[in-house]
Protein backbone atom coordinates (compact mmCIF):
# COMPACT_ATOMS: atom_id res chain seq x y z
CA UNK A 1 0.00 0.00 0.00
CA UNK A 2 2.95 2.28 -0.10
CA UNK A 3 3.21 3.26 3.59
CA UNK A 4 3.22 1.75 7.09
CA UNK A 5 -0.08 0.99 8.77
CA UNK A 6 -0.13 0.69 12.53
CA UNK A 7 -3.29 -1.18 13.39
CA UNK A 8 -3.15 -1.00 17.14
CA UNK A 9 -5.87 -2.67 19.17
CA UNK A 10 -6.84 0.73 20.52
CA UNK A 11 -7.55 2.04 17.06
CA UNK A 12 -9.37 -1.10 16.02
CA UNK A 13 -11.66 -0.78 18.99
CA UNK A 14 -12.19 2.89 18.19
CA UNK A 15 -12.90 2.22 14.52
CA UNK A 16 -15.34 -0.48 15.51
CA UNK A 17 -17.13 2.04 17.72
CA UNK A 18 -17.18 4.51 14.85
CA UNK A 19 -18.63 1.90 12.54
CA UNK A 20 -21.31 1.05 15.02
CA UNK A 21 -22.17 4.69 15.63
CA UNK A 22 -21.85 5.81 12.03
CA UNK A 23 -25.55 5.85 11.35
CA UNK A 24 -26.71 6.33 14.93
CA UNK A 25 -29.72 8.65 15.18
CA UNK A 26 -31.58 10.30 18.06
CA UNK A 27 -33.53 8.28 20.59
CA UNK A 28 -36.64 8.72 18.47
CA UNK A 29 -34.82 7.36 15.42
CA UNK A 30 -34.93 10.55 13.37
CA UNK A 31 -31.91 11.20 11.15
CA UNK A 32 -29.67 14.16 11.81
CA UNK A 33 -29.03 16.18 8.67
CA UNK A 34 -26.01 18.52 8.73
CA UNK A 35 -26.74 22.24 8.63
CA UNK A 36 -25.30 23.66 5.41
CA UNK A 37 -22.67 26.35 5.97
CA UNK A 38 -23.40 29.57 4.08
CA UNK A 39 -21.13 30.92 1.36
CA UNK A 40 -20.72 34.13 3.36
CA UNK A 41 -18.95 32.23 6.14
CA UNK A 42 -16.17 30.73 4.07
CA UNK A 43 -12.52 31.71 4.47
CA UNK A 44 -11.05 33.99 1.82
CA UNK A 45 -7.40 34.51 0.95
CA UNK A 46 -5.81 37.95 0.61
CA UNK A 47 -6.44 37.65 -3.13
CA UNK A 48 -10.11 36.92 -2.53
CA UNK A 49 -9.89 33.22 -3.31
CA UNK A 50 -12.19 30.72 -1.59
CA UNK A 51 -9.96 28.74 0.77
CA UNK A 52 -10.65 25.04 1.50
CA UNK A 53 -8.90 22.50 3.70
CA UNK A 54 -7.65 19.17 2.38
CA UNK A 55 -6.84 16.65 5.10
CA UNK A 56 -4.39 13.97 4.04
CA UNK A 57 -2.14 11.25 5.40
CA UNK A 58 0.76 11.46 2.93
CA UNK A 59 4.20 11.77 4.47
CA UNK A 60 7.77 11.82 3.18
CA UNK A 61 8.18 11.91 -0.58
CA UNK A 62 4.43 11.41 -1.02
CA UNK A 63 3.73 14.61 0.89
CA UNK A 64 6.31 16.48 -1.17
CA UNK A 65 4.65 15.30 -4.39
CA UNK A 66 1.20 16.19 -3.08
CA UNK A 67 2.25 19.67 -1.97
CA UNK A 68 3.58 20.26 -5.46
CA UNK A 69 0.24 19.32 -7.05
CA UNK A 70 -1.63 21.60 -4.66
CA UNK A 71 0.69 24.51 -5.40
CA UNK A 72 0.24 23.96 -9.14
CA UNK A 73 -3.55 23.97 -8.79
CA UNK A 74 -3.54 27.14 -6.70
CA UNK A 75 -1.43 28.87 -9.31
CA UNK A 76 -3.53 27.62 -12.23
CA UNK A 77 -6.65 29.67 -11.46
CA UNK A 78 -7.84 32.73 -9.54
CA UNK A 79 -10.91 31.45 -7.69
CA UNK A 80 -9.79 28.83 -5.20
CA UNK A 81 -6.96 28.05 -2.81
CA UNK A 82 -6.43 24.57 -1.39
CA UNK A 83 -4.62 24.17 1.92
CA UNK A 84 -3.14 20.68 2.24
CA UNK A 85 -2.98 19.70 5.92
CA UNK A 86 -1.20 16.55 7.11
CA UNK A 87 -3.23 14.78 9.80
CA UNK A 88 -0.97 11.86 10.65
CA UNK A 89 -1.67 8.28 9.68
CA UNK A 90 -4.86 7.18 7.94
CA UNK A 91 -6.17 5.96 11.28
CA UNK A 92 -5.34 9.23 13.05
CA UNK A 93 -6.89 11.32 10.29
CA UNK A 94 -10.12 9.30 10.35
CA UNK A 95 -10.34 9.64 14.12
CA UNK A 96 -9.98 13.44 13.83
CA UNK A 97 -12.64 13.54 11.12
CA UNK A 98 -15.13 11.87 13.42
CA UNK A 99 -15.05 14.88 15.77
CA UNK A 100 -15.98 17.37 13.03
CA UNK A 101 -17.60 15.26 10.31
CA UNK A 102 -20.92 16.58 9.08
CA UNK A 103 -20.34 20.04 10.55
CA UNK A 104 -19.25 23.39 9.14
CA UNK A 105 -15.80 22.77 10.66
CA UNK A 106 -15.14 19.69 8.56
CA UNK A 107 -12.42 19.87 5.90
CA UNK A 108 -13.78 20.12 2.37
CA UNK A 109 -11.78 17.04 1.34
CA UNK A 110 -10.49 14.12 3.38
CA UNK A 111 -8.20 11.36 2.17
CA UNK A 112 -9.34 8.00 3.56
CA UNK A 113 -7.74 4.57 3.07
CA UNK A 114 -9.68 2.02 1.08
CA UNK A 115 -10.76 -0.08 4.06
CA UNK A 116 -12.52 2.98 5.50
CA UNK A 117 -14.92 3.04 2.54
CA UNK A 118 -17.83 1.24 4.21
CA UNK A 119 -17.57 3.45 7.28
CA UNK A 120 -17.49 6.65 5.23
CA UNK A 121 -20.51 5.66 3.13
CA UNK A 122 -22.55 5.06 6.28
CA UNK A 123 -21.16 7.96 8.32
CA UNK A 124 -23.44 10.75 7.14
CA UNK A 125 -20.34 12.94 6.82
CA UNK A 126 -20.06 12.97 3.05
CA UNK A 127 -21.66 13.88 -0.24
CA UNK A 128 -21.34 11.06 -2.77
CA UNK A 129 -19.07 11.99 -5.65
CA UNK A 130 -21.79 10.87 -8.05
CA UNK A 131 -23.79 14.01 -7.21
CA UNK A 132 -21.11 16.30 -8.65
CA UNK A 133 -20.38 13.97 -11.55
CA UNK A 134 -24.04 14.07 -12.60
CA UNK A 135 -24.44 17.81 -12.08
CA UNK A 136 -21.33 18.57 -14.14
CA UNK A 137 -21.86 15.83 -16.76
CA UNK A 138 -18.33 14.72 -15.94
CA UNK A 139 -17.10 11.91 -18.18
CA UNK A 140 -16.29 9.16 -15.73
CA UNK A 141 -15.35 6.75 -18.51
CA UNK A 142 -11.99 8.53 -18.85
CA UNK A 143 -10.88 7.05 -15.52
CA UNK A 144 -9.58 3.53 -14.84
CA UNK A 145 -12.55 1.17 -14.45
CA UNK A 146 -10.74 -1.28 -12.18
CA UNK A 147 -9.98 1.55 -9.76
CA UNK A 148 -13.45 3.10 -9.85
CA UNK A 149 -15.03 -0.29 -9.12
CA UNK A 150 -13.77 -0.38 -5.56
CA UNK A 151 -15.28 2.97 -4.59
CA UNK A 152 -18.60 2.34 -6.34
CA UNK A 153 -21.70 0.78 -4.84
CA UNK A 154 -24.93 0.10 -6.73
CA UNK A 155 -23.66 2.10 -9.68
CA UNK A 156 -22.83 5.18 -7.61
CA UNK A 157 -19.30 6.50 -7.09
CA UNK A 158 -18.85 7.65 -3.50
CA UNK A 159 -15.31 9.03 -3.52
CA UNK A 160 -12.68 10.06 -6.04
CA UNK A 161 -9.78 7.61 -6.32
CA UNK A 162 -6.43 9.24 -5.72
CA UNK A 163 -3.39 7.32 -4.54
CA UNK A 164 -4.13 3.86 -5.89
CA UNK A 165 -1.87 0.84 -5.72
CA UNK A 166 -1.90 -2.94 -6.05
CA UNK A 167 0.51 -5.66 -4.95
CA UNK A 168 3.30 -6.86 -7.19
CA UNK A 169 5.96 -9.56 -6.88
CA UNK A 170 9.52 -8.26 -7.06
CA UNK A 171 12.49 -10.53 -7.59
CA UNK A 172 16.28 -10.46 -7.75
CA UNK A 173 17.27 -11.10 -11.36
CA UNK A 174 20.91 -11.70 -10.42
CA UNK A 175 19.88 -14.39 -7.93
CA UNK A 176 17.69 -15.99 -10.60
CA UNK A 177 20.68 -16.26 -12.96
CA UNK A 178 22.88 -17.76 -10.25
CA UNK A 179 20.18 -20.32 -9.43
CA UNK A 180 19.79 -21.32 -13.08
CA UNK A 181 16.35 -19.70 -13.38
CA UNK A 182 15.23 -17.56 -16.30
CA UNK A 183 15.18 -13.94 -15.04
CA UNK A 184 12.76 -13.02 -17.84
CA UNK A 185 10.29 -15.76 -16.92
CA UNK A 186 9.38 -15.39 -13.23
CA UNK A 187 7.13 -17.95 -11.53
CA UNK A 188 3.39 -17.43 -11.97
CA UNK A 189 1.60 -19.99 -9.81
CA UNK A 190 1.92 -21.00 -6.17
CA UNK A 191 3.72 -24.22 -7.08
CA UNK A 192 6.10 -22.42 -9.42
CA UNK A 193 6.98 -19.99 -6.62
CA UNK A 194 7.51 -22.89 -4.22
CA UNK A 195 9.84 -24.63 -6.72
CA UNK A 196 11.77 -21.44 -7.52
CA UNK A 197 12.15 -20.60 -3.82
CA UNK A 198 13.78 -23.98 -3.23
CA UNK A 199 16.33 -23.30 -5.97
CA UNK A 200 16.98 -19.73 -4.85
CA UNK A 201 17.59 -20.55 -1.19
CA UNK A 202 21.17 -20.28 0.04
CA UNK A 203 22.72 -20.04 3.50
CA UNK A 204 22.25 -16.27 3.35
CA UNK A 205 19.13 -15.96 1.23
CA UNK A 206 15.54 -17.15 1.58
CA UNK A 207 13.55 -17.87 -1.56
CA UNK A 208 10.31 -15.97 -0.92
CA UNK A 209 8.72 -13.64 1.60
CA UNK A 210 5.50 -11.77 2.20
CA UNK A 211 4.86 -9.02 4.72
CA UNK A 212 2.74 -10.22 7.62
CA UNK A 213 -0.13 -8.01 6.56
CA UNK A 214 -3.74 -8.82 5.74
CA UNK A 215 -3.78 -6.85 2.47
CA UNK A 216 -1.58 -9.40 0.71
CA UNK A 217 -3.73 -12.29 1.93
CA UNK A 218 -6.84 -10.54 0.57
CA UNK A 219 -5.15 -10.16 -2.81
CA UNK A 220 -4.10 -13.80 -3.02
CA UNK A 221 -7.68 -14.83 -2.27
CA UNK A 222 -9.19 -12.38 -4.78
CA UNK A 223 -6.88 -13.36 -7.62
CA UNK A 224 -8.38 -16.85 -7.35
CA UNK A 225 -11.87 -15.38 -7.61
CA UNK A 226 -12.50 -15.91 -3.90
CA UNK A 227 -14.58 -13.59 -1.72
CA UNK A 228 -13.64 -12.17 1.66
CA UNK A 229 -17.12 -11.99 3.20
CA UNK A 230 -20.63 -13.07 2.23
CA UNK A 231 -23.40 -10.89 0.76
CA UNK A 232 -21.34 -10.62 -2.43
CA UNK A 233 -18.34 -9.27 -0.57
CA UNK A 234 -20.57 -6.93 1.45
CA UNK A 235 -21.79 -5.14 -1.67
CA UNK A 236 -25.27 -6.68 -1.88
CA UNK A 237 -25.96 -5.88 1.78
CA UNK A 238 -24.26 -5.88 5.16
CA UNK A 239 -21.93 -8.88 5.39
CA UNK A 240 -22.75 -11.29 8.21
CA UNK A 241 -19.78 -13.63 8.10
CA UNK A 242 -16.29 -14.10 6.72
CA UNK A 243 -15.80 -16.61 3.91
CA UNK A 244 -12.06 -16.05 3.39
CA UNK A 245 -11.39 -19.35 5.14
CA UNK A 246 -12.86 -21.28 2.22
CA UNK A 247 -10.78 -23.20 -0.28
CA UNK A 248 -9.14 -20.07 -1.73
CA UNK A 249 -7.90 -18.86 1.64
CA UNK A 250 -6.78 -22.33 2.63
CA UNK A 251 -4.70 -22.57 -0.55
CA UNK A 252 -2.91 -19.33 0.42
CA UNK A 253 -2.11 -20.62 3.90
CA UNK A 254 -0.95 -23.99 2.53
CA UNK A 255 1.23 -22.16 0.00
CA UNK A 256 2.96 -20.18 2.74
CA UNK A 257 3.10 -23.14 5.11
CA UNK A 258 4.83 -25.33 2.54
CA UNK A 259 7.70 -22.87 2.13
CA UNK A 260 7.87 -22.08 5.83
CA UNK A 261 8.27 -25.77 6.72
CA UNK A 262 10.85 -26.21 3.94
CA UNK A 263 12.91 -23.31 5.24
CA UNK A 264 12.62 -21.37 1.98
CA UNK A 265 10.27 -18.71 3.38
CA UNK A 266 11.65 -15.62 5.09
CA UNK A 267 9.55 -14.10 7.87
CA UNK A 268 10.51 -10.42 8.18
CA UNK A 269 7.53 -9.34 10.25
CA UNK A 270 5.01 -6.55 9.78
CA UNK A 271 7.24 -3.59 8.91
CA UNK A 272 7.49 -2.52 5.27
CA UNK A 273 11.00 -1.11 5.76
CA UNK A 274 12.27 -4.39 7.19
CA UNK A 275 11.13 -6.58 4.31
CA UNK A 276 12.36 -4.08 1.73
CA UNK A 277 15.73 -3.91 3.45
CA UNK A 278 15.90 -7.71 3.48
CA UNK A 279 15.32 -7.82 -0.27
CA UNK A 280 17.83 -5.09 -1.06
CA UNK A 281 20.50 -6.70 1.13
CA UNK A 282 20.10 -10.13 -0.50
CA UNK A 283 18.33 -11.89 2.37
CA UNK A 284 15.37 -12.87 0.20
CA UNK A 285 15.10 -13.37 -3.57
CA UNK A 286 11.36 -12.82 -4.15
CA UNK A 287 8.76 -10.92 -2.17
CA UNK A 288 5.45 -9.11 -2.51
CA UNK A 289 5.36 -5.32 -2.31
CA UNK A 290 3.05 -2.48 -3.21
CA UNK A 291 3.21 -1.12 -6.75
CA UNK A 292 3.82 2.26 -5.12
CA UNK A 293 7.10 0.96 -3.71
CA UNK A 294 8.57 -0.37 -6.97
CA UNK A 295 10.45 2.71 -8.06
CA UNK A 296 12.14 3.15 -4.69
CA UNK A 297 13.29 -0.47 -4.70
CA UNK A 298 14.69 -0.21 -8.23
CA UNK A 299 16.53 3.00 -7.37
CA UNK A 300 18.15 1.52 -4.25
CA UNK A 301 18.78 -2.17 -4.97
CA UNK A 302 22.39 -3.08 -5.88
CA UNK A 303 21.13 -5.64 -8.41
CA UNK A 304 18.67 -5.79 -11.29
CA UNK A 305 15.09 -5.93 -10.04
CA UNK A 306 12.35 -7.82 -11.84
CA UNK A 307 8.62 -7.16 -11.46
CA UNK A 308 5.91 -9.77 -11.95
CA UNK A 309 2.22 -10.31 -11.36
CA UNK A 310 1.32 -11.75 -7.97
CA UNK A 311 1.10 -15.56 -7.97
CA UNK A 312 -2.15 -17.51 -8.09
CA UNK A 313 -3.23 -21.02 -7.16
CA UNK A 314 -2.50 -23.75 -9.70
CA UNK A 315 -6.11 -24.98 -9.57
CA UNK A 316 -7.60 -21.74 -10.97
CA UNK A 317 -7.11 -19.08 -13.62
CA UNK A 318 -5.73 -15.70 -12.60
CA UNK A 319 -8.47 -13.13 -11.97
CA UNK A 320 -6.38 -10.08 -11.13
CA UNK A 321 -5.95 -7.72 -8.22
CA UNK A 322 -7.98 -5.46 -5.91
CA UNK A 323 -7.11 -1.77 -5.76
CA UNK A 324 -5.55 -0.45 -2.57
CA UNK A 325 -4.43 2.96 -1.38
CA UNK A 326 -6.86 5.77 -0.65
CA UNK A 327 -9.48 8.08 -2.14
CA UNK A 328 -10.79 11.60 -1.62
CA UNK A 329 -14.14 12.27 0.07
CA UNK A 330 -16.31 15.40 -0.19
CA UNK A 331 -17.71 16.73 3.08
CA UNK A 332 -21.40 17.37 3.72
CA UNK A 333 -22.35 20.48 5.69
CA UNK A 334 -19.73 22.81 4.26
CA UNK A 335 -20.70 25.75 2.04
CA UNK A 336 -21.70 25.11 -1.55
CA UNK A 337 -18.86 27.29 -2.79
CA UNK A 338 -16.43 25.15 -0.78
CA UNK A 339 -17.85 22.01 -2.36
CA UNK A 340 -17.45 23.60 -5.79
CA UNK A 341 -13.82 24.44 -4.98
CA UNK A 342 -13.23 20.88 -3.83
CA UNK A 343 -14.84 19.47 -6.96
CA UNK A 344 -12.73 21.68 -9.22
CA UNK A 345 -9.61 20.52 -7.40
CA UNK A 346 -10.59 16.88 -7.73
CA UNK A 347 -11.20 17.28 -11.45
CA UNK A 348 -7.81 18.95 -11.79
CA UNK A 349 -6.16 15.98 -10.08
CA UNK A 350 -7.67 13.56 -12.62
CA UNK A 351 -6.22 15.28 -15.70
CA UNK A 352 -3.64 13.26 -17.68
CA UNK A 353 -0.84 15.77 -17.12
CA UNK A 354 -1.30 15.83 -13.35
CA UNK A 355 -1.72 12.07 -13.11
CA UNK A 356 1.42 11.49 -15.17
CA UNK A 357 3.40 13.60 -12.75
CA UNK A 358 1.83 11.90 -9.72
CA UNK A 359 2.53 8.43 -11.15
CA UNK A 360 6.19 9.14 -11.75
CA UNK A 361 6.79 11.08 -8.53
CA UNK A 362 5.18 8.49 -6.26
CA UNK A 363 4.77 5.17 -8.07
CA UNK A 364 0.99 5.21 -7.57
CA UNK A 365 -1.21 4.41 -10.55
CA UNK A 366 -2.60 7.10 -12.79
CA UNK A 367 -6.35 6.99 -12.27
CA UNK A 368 -6.66 8.49 -15.74
CA UNK A 369 -5.04 5.98 -18.15
CA UNK A 370 -4.41 8.72 -20.71
CA UNK A 371 -1.56 9.79 -18.42
CA UNK A 372 0.39 6.77 -19.64
CA UNK A 373 0.43 8.32 -23.12
CA UNK A 374 2.25 11.40 -21.84
CA UNK A 375 5.85 11.64 -23.11
CA UNK A 376 7.33 11.83 -19.62
CA UNK A 377 5.69 8.50 -18.74
CA UNK A 378 6.70 6.79 -21.97
CA UNK A 379 10.30 7.84 -21.41
CA UNK A 380 10.26 6.66 -17.80
CA UNK A 381 8.80 3.30 -18.80
CA UNK A 382 11.57 2.81 -21.34
CA UNK A 383 14.11 3.32 -18.57
CA UNK A 384 12.10 1.45 -15.93
CA UNK A 385 9.83 -1.16 -17.62
CA UNK A 386 8.97 -2.64 -14.22
CA UNK A 387 6.53 0.25 -13.71
CA UNK A 388 4.61 -0.84 -16.79
CA UNK A 389 4.19 -4.36 -15.39
CA UNK A 390 2.17 -3.07 -12.45
CA UNK A 391 -0.14 -1.13 -14.79
CA UNK A 392 -0.60 -4.14 -17.10
CA UNK A 393 -1.52 -6.32 -14.13
CA UNK A 394 -4.22 -3.85 -13.08
CA UNK A 395 -5.60 -3.36 -16.57
CA UNK A 396 -5.74 -7.11 -17.22
CA UNK A 397 -7.80 -7.66 -14.06
CA UNK A 398 -11.23 -9.18 -14.72
CA UNK A 399 -13.96 -6.98 -13.19
CA UNK A 400 -15.86 -9.13 -10.70
CA UNK A 401 -17.20 -9.10 -7.16
CA UNK A 402 -13.92 -10.68 -6.04
CA UNK A 403 -11.63 -8.10 -7.66
CA UNK A 404 -13.95 -5.23 -6.78
CA UNK A 405 -12.95 -5.80 -3.17
CA UNK A 406 -14.89 -6.34 0.05
CA UNK A 407 -16.80 -3.72 2.03
CA UNK A 408 -17.00 -4.18 5.80
CA UNK A 409 -16.88 -1.54 8.51
CA UNK A 410 -14.55 -3.62 10.71
CA UNK A 411 -11.89 -4.27 8.07
CA UNK A 412 -8.93 -3.06 10.18
CA UNK A 413 -9.86 -5.49 12.95
CA UNK A 414 -10.25 -8.30 10.44
CA UNK A 415 -6.82 -7.56 9.01
CA UNK A 416 -5.36 -7.84 12.49
CA UNK A 417 -7.03 -11.24 12.79
CA UNK A 418 -5.21 -12.30 9.62
CA UNK A 419 -1.91 -10.97 10.99
CA UNK A 420 -2.37 -13.11 14.11
CA UNK A 421 -3.27 -16.12 11.98
CA UNK A 422 -0.14 -15.71 9.86
CA UNK A 423 2.04 -15.37 12.94
CA UNK A 424 0.48 -18.53 14.38
CA UNK A 425 1.02 -20.32 11.07
CA UNK A 426 4.72 -19.48 11.04
CA UNK A 427 4.95 -20.76 14.62
CA UNK A 428 3.64 -24.13 13.53
CA UNK A 429 -0.14 -23.96 13.92
CA UNK A 430 -2.21 -26.01 11.49
CA UNK A 431 -3.07 -23.77 8.48
CA UNK A 432 -6.81 -24.47 8.59
CA UNK A 433 -6.98 -24.00 12.34
CA UNK A 434 -5.15 -20.66 12.13
CA UNK A 435 -7.35 -19.38 9.30
CA UNK A 436 -10.60 -20.55 10.91
CA UNK A 437 -9.68 -18.67 14.09
CA UNK A 438 -9.23 -15.48 12.05
CA UNK A 439 -12.63 -15.99 10.45
CA UNK A 440 -14.25 -16.52 13.85
CA UNK A 441 -12.67 -13.32 15.17
CA UNK A 442 -13.89 -11.41 12.13
CA UNK A 443 -17.38 -12.86 12.55
CA UNK A 444 -17.55 -11.64 16.13
CA UNK A 445 -16.61 -8.12 15.07
CA UNK A 446 -19.12 -8.13 12.20
CA UNK A 447 -21.86 -9.43 14.47
CA UNK A 448 -21.32 -6.67 17.05
CA UNK A 449 -21.22 -4.01 14.33
CA UNK A 450 -24.42 -5.24 12.69
CA UNK A 451 -26.35 -5.56 15.96
CA UNK A 452 -25.56 -2.04 17.10
CA UNK A 453 -25.73 -0.27 13.74
């Protein structure tokens, strides 16, 4: 996903509470509609521009790239000024939003990670993006369908995709050559990865690794066509139980267990920096990363880096990947002129020129595929063809309920259940037992959320 996520139990409990309270009404059951802020109350710059706040969770080089886009937008027109305000991690930003959401004090735009989608839809804090798309006759077909799918429900787009990423398998081409493997033909299926890992393993190097993080498990299930929860992945109605412990999930755990028992799997924990450092220092030959991290790895590895699609189970055909990252949400309750400013900024961000710059500066996908036709992107792809592999994997994804991704309000807690299950697996627990326990934990969280919604 391109950055570290710290899913502490405290936050998971808090997010669960938020999910349960998202649609809470008064004792009589009447809904509370935000009071619309008047245009006369909006902040104006010295130049008379309408000023809006944009809360985000980008740090480091991502924040630098974002600040540059904001500055370019502010300089491109005379009506609006966007103030980009870092709010900490995705979890911290969402917690802050809860205190002001649906009020005149809310930021015009908030960046929210993809697993916060269900919560945001039900929160009452936001105006669906579809409203502005319809009013402006905005051509949504110009944007990447496989990215839009995640943030759409019942044909309605709720937020504007922004920093979008998918997983990718990176590998050490030099190690492949030394092991007698074809560096231009990386393994595709689970069994091929298992076989290659055995050949790649040395006293200093493990064959394969995967961050102990639920996102990668979700992807390996989805690429088999498997669902995460029932009710059509939570898109036909509120999910009532996890189904990720079916045959697709079990294949993933057996895949990892086989290599772990053979000593060809490297367990580098839950920290993105640690697994990336292990790869760059030659401690592991293949691993799964975010597409947003590819450029940084290529720039820093002392060997030639290969990029490949994520592996899939031998028993099925590859279905593709689910989009990750975050999207931008429009606040309800702010002034209409602030919403118009926010909408103009969002449209600006989707233009090919801006998306080309964002793609190259950060490694995130361009949500407007026309960006890939820009000369600066073509030139970069010639020098770094690995970036093109990640785009091809996304664009070859088959649109389906599985690859659209699951919607549940307690996703962070469920991901922590998967982390625990993976840790137990690597300690020797039976794969099915470990996965079933994660499903049971997820079911408890879903049940509580549904009963108190």
